[in-house]
N, C-alpha and C. Protein backbone atom coordinates (compact mmCIF):
# COMPACT_ATOMS: atom_id res chain seq x y z
N UNK A 1 -23.34 -40.16 -42.25
CA UNK A 1 -22.93 -38.69 -42.88
C UNK A 1 -22.25 -39.25 -44.35
N UNK A 2 -21.19 -40.06 -44.96
CA UNK A 2 -20.95 -39.27 -45.98
C UNK A 2 -21.37 -39.86 -47.36
N UNK A 3 -23.21 -40.64 -46.91
CA UNK A 3 -24.07 -40.64 -47.31
C UNK A 3 -25.12 -39.21 -48.14
N UNK A 4 -24.56 -38.74 -47.41
CA UNK A 4 -26.28 -37.12 -47.31
C UNK A 4 -25.34 -35.99 -47.79
N UNK A 5 -23.86 -36.31 -47.47
CA UNK A 5 -22.62 -36.02 -48.70
C UNK A 5 -22.43 -36.11 -50.18
N UNK A 6 -22.90 -37.51 -50.41
CA UNK A 6 -23.02 -37.90 -51.65
C UNK A 6 -23.52 -37.93 -52.75
N UNK A 7 -25.18 -37.24 -51.83
CA UNK A 7 -26.06 -37.62 -52.14
C UNK A 7 -26.71 -35.94 -52.69
N UNK A 8 -26.36 -34.96 -51.51
CA UNK A 8 -25.66 -33.19 -52.52
C UNK A 8 -24.62 -32.71 -53.17
N UNK A 9 -23.59 -34.00 -53.41
CA UNK A 9 -22.74 -32.82 -54.13
C UNK A 9 -23.19 -34.12 -56.09
N UNK A 10 -24.27 -35.25 -55.98
CA UNK A 10 -24.33 -35.25 -57.07
C UNK A 10 -25.40 -35.43 -57.42
N UNK A 11 -26.86 -34.68 -56.29
CA UNK A 11 -27.96 -33.59 -56.82
C UNK A 11 -27.12 -32.18 -57.57
N UNK A 12 -26.09 -31.60 -57.02
CA UNK A 12 -25.52 -30.34 -57.31
C UNK A 12 -25.11 -30.44 -58.87
N UNK A 13 -24.58 -32.10 -59.10
CA UNK A 13 -23.78 -32.35 -60.45
C UNK A 13 -24.51 -32.04 -61.01
N UNK A 14 -26.44 -32.65 -60.98
CA UNK A 14 -26.96 -33.64 -62.08
C UNK A 14 -27.38 -32.10 -62.25
N UNK A 15 -28.07 -31.55 -61.48
CA UNK A 15 -28.74 -29.92 -62.14
C UNK A 15 -27.63 -28.81 -62.33
N UNK A 16 -26.28 -28.70 -62.17
CA UNK A 16 -25.63 -27.73 -62.86
C UNK A 16 -25.07 -28.52 -64.61
N UNK A 17 -24.88 -29.63 -64.47
CA UNK A 17 -24.83 -30.19 -65.62
C UNK A 17 -24.84 -31.52 -66.64
N UNK A 18 -25.42 -31.79 -65.88
CA UNK A 18 -26.97 -32.71 -66.80
C UNK A 18 -28.53 -32.07 -66.81
N UNK A 19 -28.68 -31.58 -66.23
CA UNK A 19 -30.14 -30.55 -66.88
C UNK A 19 -30.05 -29.54 -68.33
N UNK A 20 -31.31 -30.21 -69.03
CA UNK A 20 -31.31 -29.27 -69.32
C UNK A 20 -32.11 -27.65 -69.40
N UNK A 21 -31.05 -27.01 -68.52
CA UNK A 21 -33.04 -25.72 -68.52
C UNK A 21 -33.45 -24.74 -69.70
N UNK A 22 -34.18 -24.85 -69.12
CA UNK A 22 -35.18 -23.38 -70.91
C UNK A 22 -34.50 -21.47 -70.85
N UNK A 23 -34.30 -21.53 -72.35
CA UNK A 23 -33.27 -20.66 -72.49
C UNK A 23 -34.42 -19.53 -72.27
N UNK A 24 -34.63 -18.76 -72.61
CA UNK A 24 -35.14 -17.21 -71.74
C UNK A 24 -36.76 -17.01 -73.01
N UNK A 25 -35.77 -17.50 -74.10
CA UNK A 25 -37.48 -17.12 -75.04
C UNK A 25 -38.51 -18.61 -75.18
N UNK A 26 -37.57 -19.88 -75.09
CA UNK A 26 -38.81 -20.66 -74.45
C UNK A 26 -39.23 -20.69 -73.21
N UNK A 27 -39.10 -19.85 -72.04
CA UNK A 27 -39.96 -19.80 -70.03
C UNK A 27 -40.35 -18.73 -71.36
N UNK A 28 -40.29 -17.77 -71.94
CA UNK A 28 -42.07 -16.70 -71.58
C UNK A 28 -42.31 -17.21 -72.31
N UNK A 29 -42.23 -18.05 -73.83
CA UNK A 29 -43.21 -18.58 -74.71
C UNK A 29 -44.26 -19.85 -73.71
N UNK A 30 -43.08 -20.60 -72.40
CA UNK A 30 -44.56 -21.04 -71.87
C UNK A 30 -45.00 -20.92 -70.27
N UNK A 31 -44.53 -19.46 -70.50
CA UNK A 31 -45.66 -19.06 -69.43
C UNK A 31 -46.86 -18.12 -69.96
N UNK A 32 -45.92 -18.53 -71.90
CA UNK A 32 -47.96 -17.46 -72.22
C UNK A 32 -48.62 -18.73 -72.17
N UNK A 33 -47.93 -19.67 -72.90
CA UNK A 33 -49.83 -20.81 -73.38
C UNK A 33 -50.32 -20.91 -71.37
N UNK A 34 -49.31 -21.67 -70.37
CA UNK A 34 -49.95 -21.08 -69.32
C UNK A 34 -51.43 -19.99 -68.61
N UNK A 35 -50.41 -19.02 -69.34
CA UNK A 35 -51.66 -18.03 -68.71
C UNK A 35 -52.39 -18.04 -69.26
N UNK A 36 -52.66 -18.32 -70.61
CA UNK A 36 -53.95 -18.11 -71.84
C UNK A 36 -54.93 -19.07 -70.96
N UNK A 37 -54.11 -20.32 -71.01
CA UNK A 37 -54.51 -21.72 -71.30
C UNK A 37 -55.66 -21.70 -68.95
N UNK A 38 -54.38 -20.49 -68.54
CA UNK A 38 -55.10 -20.62 -67.00
C UNK A 38 -55.91 -19.13 -67.22
N UNK A 39 -56.83 -18.65 -68.46
CA UNK A 39 -57.47 -17.37 -68.46
C UNK A 39 -58.53 -18.14 -68.91
N UNK A 40 -58.28 -19.19 -70.10
CA UNK A 40 -59.75 -19.65 -70.51
C UNK A 40 -60.10 -20.21 -69.60
N UNK A 41 -59.44 -21.46 -68.38
CA UNK A 41 -60.38 -22.28 -68.31
C UNK A 41 -61.38 -21.89 -67.01
N UNK A 42 -60.80 -19.85 -66.33
CA UNK A 42 -61.58 -19.91 -66.10
C UNK A 42 -62.65 -19.14 -66.03
N UNK A 43 -62.45 -19.02 -67.52
CA UNK A 43 -63.65 -18.08 -68.32
C UNK A 43 -64.54 -19.06 -67.81
N UNK A 44 -64.48 -20.12 -68.50
CA UNK A 44 -65.28 -20.65 -68.65
C UNK A 44 -65.88 -21.40 -67.39
N UNK A 45 -65.46 -21.61 -66.19
CA UNK A 45 -65.95 -22.26 -65.16
C UNK A 45 -66.28 -20.97 -64.84
N UNK A 46 -66.04 -19.58 -64.99
CA UNK A 46 -66.68 -18.49 -64.10
C UNK A 46 -68.48 -18.43 -65.34
N UNK A 47 -68.35 -18.66 -66.95
CA UNK A 47 -69.24 -19.35 -66.80
C UNK A 47 -70.79 -20.46 -66.55
N UNK A 48 -70.26 -21.46 -66.48
CA UNK A 48 -70.99 -22.75 -65.81
C UNK A 48 -71.37 -22.47 -64.79
N UNK A 49 -70.43 -21.13 -63.27
CA UNK A 49 -70.82 -20.68 -62.17
C UNK A 49 -72.38 -20.49 -62.40
N UNK A 50 -71.51 -18.97 -63.84
CA UNK A 50 -73.51 -18.47 -63.89
C UNK A 50 -74.53 -18.87 -64.85
N UNK A 51 -73.90 -19.81 -65.03
CA UNK A 51 -75.61 -20.19 -66.58
C UNK A 51 -76.37 -20.86 -64.61
N UNK A 52 -75.03 -22.12 -64.58
CA UNK A 52 -75.96 -22.65 -62.98
C UNK A 52 -76.67 -22.00 -61.83
N UNK A 53 -76.04 -20.69 -61.30
CA UNK A 53 -76.52 -19.84 -60.55
C UNK A 53 -78.03 -19.30 -60.94
N UNK A 54 -78.14 -19.04 -62.83
CA UNK A 54 -79.12 -18.44 -63.25
C UNK A 54 -80.30 -19.28 -63.62
N UNK A 55 -79.51 -20.51 -63.30
CA UNK A 55 -81.10 -22.04 -63.87
C UNK A 55 -81.53 -21.93 -62.27
N UNK A 56 -80.69 -21.56 -61.41
CA UNK A 56 -81.18 -22.20 -59.29
C UNK A 56 -81.95 -21.25 -58.88
N UNK A 57 -82.13 -19.91 -60.00
CA UNK A 57 -82.65 -19.40 -59.16
C UNK A 57 -84.07 -19.35 -60.59
N UNK A 58 -84.03 -18.77 -61.11
CA UNK A 58 -85.07 -19.46 -61.97
C UNK A 58 -86.04 -20.02 -61.54
N UNK A 59 -85.03 -21.84 -60.76
CA UNK A 59 -86.20 -23.42 -60.38
C UNK A 59 -86.09 -22.08 -58.87
N UNK A 60 -85.64 -22.48 -58.30
CA UNK A 60 -86.45 -21.39 -56.79
C UNK A 60 -87.69 -20.46 -57.24
N UNK A 61 -87.49 -19.72 -57.73
CA UNK A 61 -88.87 -18.94 -58.12
C UNK A 61 -90.06 -19.74 -58.41
N UNK A 62 -89.84 -20.86 -59.53
CA UNK A 62 -90.60 -21.72 -59.77
C UNK A 62 -91.58 -22.05 -58.93
N UNK A 63 -90.65 -22.77 -58.13
CA UNK A 63 -91.36 -23.83 -56.51
C UNK A 63 -91.78 -22.44 -55.15
N UNK A 64 -91.53 -21.61 -55.33
CA UNK A 64 -91.81 -21.42 -54.24
C UNK A 64 -92.70 -20.10 -55.06
């Protein structure tokens, strides 16, 4: 039981005193980067899906 208690005590100490948490400004900046990257990647995947759908639709019309 002492090992478990020591683990939690050391974990708390590390989180409070050793971890460098981002500032509010850094957090907002990182969030915007992630949001923009998500939108761009979503648009790319949507475009690839739409293109493949169009190509397959045309292909099936030709072979039918």
